[in-house]
Amino acid sequence: VQLQASGGGLVQAGGSLRLSCSASGRTFSGYAMGWFRQAPGKERDIVSTISGSGSTYYRDSVKGRFTISRDNAKNMVYLQMNSLKAEDTAVYYCAARSRYSATSYDIGRWDVWGQGTQVTVSS
């Protein structure tokens, strides 16, 4: 499995961005997928995840602002980010659990990572 993230950029506070992640692999629909982010000097954190069955999870700070979705026919996962705040500034990574459809809160259980895309929110 290979992942390719895109869609990052510079946006003003209150604005929106949509991140996209394309995945290779014939069994994409069985993968748990997730978005993570890492701000300078901080650890990588979970932002949102979606299971193979479509169950979603969001960290508290993005609930109501971010929406994760997946299109299994296109092998794509998206993160729609609205009402962006300066504290959302980070490098965003998509990741997959290539052997499990269930998500995990343990970053160490995500075995495939994309290259990251920078999101910068100016205040």
Protein backbone atom coordinates (compact mmCIF):
# COMPACT_ATOMS: atom_id res chain seq x y z
CA VAL A 1 0.00 0.00 0.00
CA GLN A 2 1.20 3.49 -0.85
CA LEU A 3 -0.43 6.75 0.22
CA GLN A 4 -0.21 10.18 -1.36
CA ALA A 5 -1.57 13.18 0.51
CA SER A 6 -2.38 16.52 -1.05
CA GLY A 7 -4.44 19.65 -0.54
CA GLY A 8 -2.50 21.53 2.08
CA GLY A 9 -1.75 25.22 1.84
CA LEU A 10 -1.93 28.63 3.45
CA VAL A 11 -5.33 29.85 4.57
CA GLN A 12 -6.62 32.59 6.82
CA ALA A 13 -8.26 31.76 10.11
CA GLY A 14 -11.89 30.86 9.52
CA GLY A 15 -11.17 29.48 6.10
CA SER A 16 -11.42 25.96 4.72
CA LEU A 17 -9.23 23.36 3.11
CA ARG A 18 -9.86 19.84 1.88
CA LEU A 19 -7.09 17.32 2.19
CA SER A 20 -7.05 14.29 -0.08
CA CYS A 21 -5.23 11.01 0.24
CA SER A 22 -4.99 8.52 -2.58
CA ALA A 23 -4.16 4.92 -1.83
CA SER A 24 -2.96 2.04 -3.88
CA GLY A 25 -4.09 -1.47 -3.11
CA ARG A 26 -6.93 -3.65 -4.27
CA THR A 27 -8.39 -4.09 -0.79
CA PHE A 28 -8.61 -0.40 0.13
CA SER A 29 -12.15 -0.77 1.39
CA GLY A 30 -10.83 -3.04 4.12
CA TYR A 31 -8.28 -0.56 5.42
CA ALA A 32 -8.77 1.67 8.39
CA MET A 33 -7.69 5.17 7.33
CA GLY A 34 -6.73 8.18 9.36
CA TRP A 35 -5.43 11.71 9.37
CA PHE A 36 -2.75 12.77 11.79
CA ARG A 37 -0.88 16.01 12.30
CA GLN A 38 2.39 17.18 13.73
CA ALA A 39 3.08 20.74 14.71
CA PRO A 40 6.65 22.01 15.13
CA GLY A 41 8.17 20.74 18.35
CA LYS A 42 5.19 18.53 19.13
CA GLU A 43 4.37 14.86 18.83
CA ARG A 44 2.27 13.50 16.01
CA ASP A 45 -1.39 13.31 17.05
CA ILE A 46 -4.51 11.68 15.74
CA VAL A 47 -6.91 14.10 14.06
CA SER A 48 -9.59 11.83 12.66
CA THR A 49 -10.04 8.23 11.63
CA ILE A 50 -12.49 6.20 9.61
CA SER A 51 -12.88 2.46 9.74
CA GLY A 52 -13.50 0.14 6.84
CA SER A 53 -17.18 0.14 7.78
CA GLY A 54 -17.30 3.94 7.91
CA SER A 55 -17.21 4.56 11.65
CA THR A 56 -15.53 7.86 12.39
CA TYR A 57 -13.55 9.40 15.22
CA TYR A 58 -12.50 13.01 15.77
CA ARG A 59 -10.26 14.54 18.37
CA ASP A 60 -12.19 16.96 20.53
CA SER A 61 -10.54 20.08 19.18
CA VAL A 62 -11.76 19.44 15.62
CA LYS A 63 -15.24 18.09 16.29
CA GLY A 64 -17.85 20.05 14.41
CA ARG A 65 -15.22 21.62 12.13
CA PHE A 66 -13.56 18.69 10.35
CA THR A 67 -15.20 15.87 8.42
CA ILE A 68 -13.48 12.69 7.31
CA SER A 69 -14.86 10.65 4.44
CA ARG A 70 -13.78 7.92 2.10
CA ASP A 71 -14.60 6.89 -1.44
CA ASN A 72 -13.74 3.23 -1.77
CA ALA A 73 -14.44 3.21 -5.50
CA LYS A 74 -11.68 5.78 -6.00
CA ASN A 75 -9.36 4.59 -3.23
CA MET A 76 -9.52 8.03 -1.67
CA VAL A 77 -9.94 9.46 1.81
CA TYR A 78 -10.66 13.12 2.49
CA LEU A 79 -10.50 15.54 5.36
CA GLN A 80 -12.72 18.59 4.98
CA MET A 81 -11.47 21.26 7.36
CA ASN A 82 -13.69 24.26 8.06
CA SER A 83 -13.40 27.16 10.48
CA LEU A 84 -9.68 26.68 10.59
CA LYS A 85 -7.74 28.09 13.51
CA ALA A 86 -4.10 29.02 13.91
CA GLU A 87 -3.66 26.04 16.21
CA ASP A 88 -4.55 23.73 13.31
CA THR A 89 -1.25 24.65 11.68
CA ALA A 90 0.77 21.47 11.21
CA VAL A 91 1.98 18.92 8.74
CA TYR A 92 -0.92 16.59 8.08
CA TYR A 93 -0.35 12.92 7.30
CA CYS A 94 -2.70 10.25 6.08
CA ALA A 95 -2.14 6.75 7.31
CA ALA A 96 -3.58 3.29 6.91
CA ARG A 97 -3.88 0.10 8.84
CA SER A 98 -3.35 -2.20 5.92
CA ARG A 99 -4.35 -5.38 7.74
CA TYR A 100 -7.25 -4.13 9.81
CA SER A 101 -10.51 -2.39 9.11
CA ALA A 102 -10.78 -1.18 12.70
CA THR A 103 -9.10 2.04 13.72
CA SER A 104 -6.78 2.48 16.67
CA TYR A 105 -5.86 5.32 19.03
CA ASP A 106 -2.31 3.95 19.12
CA ILE A 107 -0.26 5.67 16.41
CA GLY A 108 2.14 2.74 16.49
CA ARG A 109 -0.57 0.49 15.09
CA TRP A 110 -0.78 2.45 11.84
CA ASP A 111 1.66 0.81 9.46
CA VAL A 112 1.48 2.82 6.25
CA TRP A 113 2.09 6.58 6.05
CA GLY A 114 1.88 9.17 3.34
CA GLN A 115 4.43 11.92 2.89
CA GLY A 116 2.59 14.75 4.69
CA THR A 117 1.12 18.01 3.50
CA GLN A 118 1.63 21.36 5.19
CA VAL A 119 -1.38 23.28 6.48
CA THR A 120 -0.70 26.82 7.64
CA VAL A 121 -3.47 28.94 9.14
CA SER A 122 -2.71 32.61 9.53
CA SER A 123 -4.41 34.54 12.29
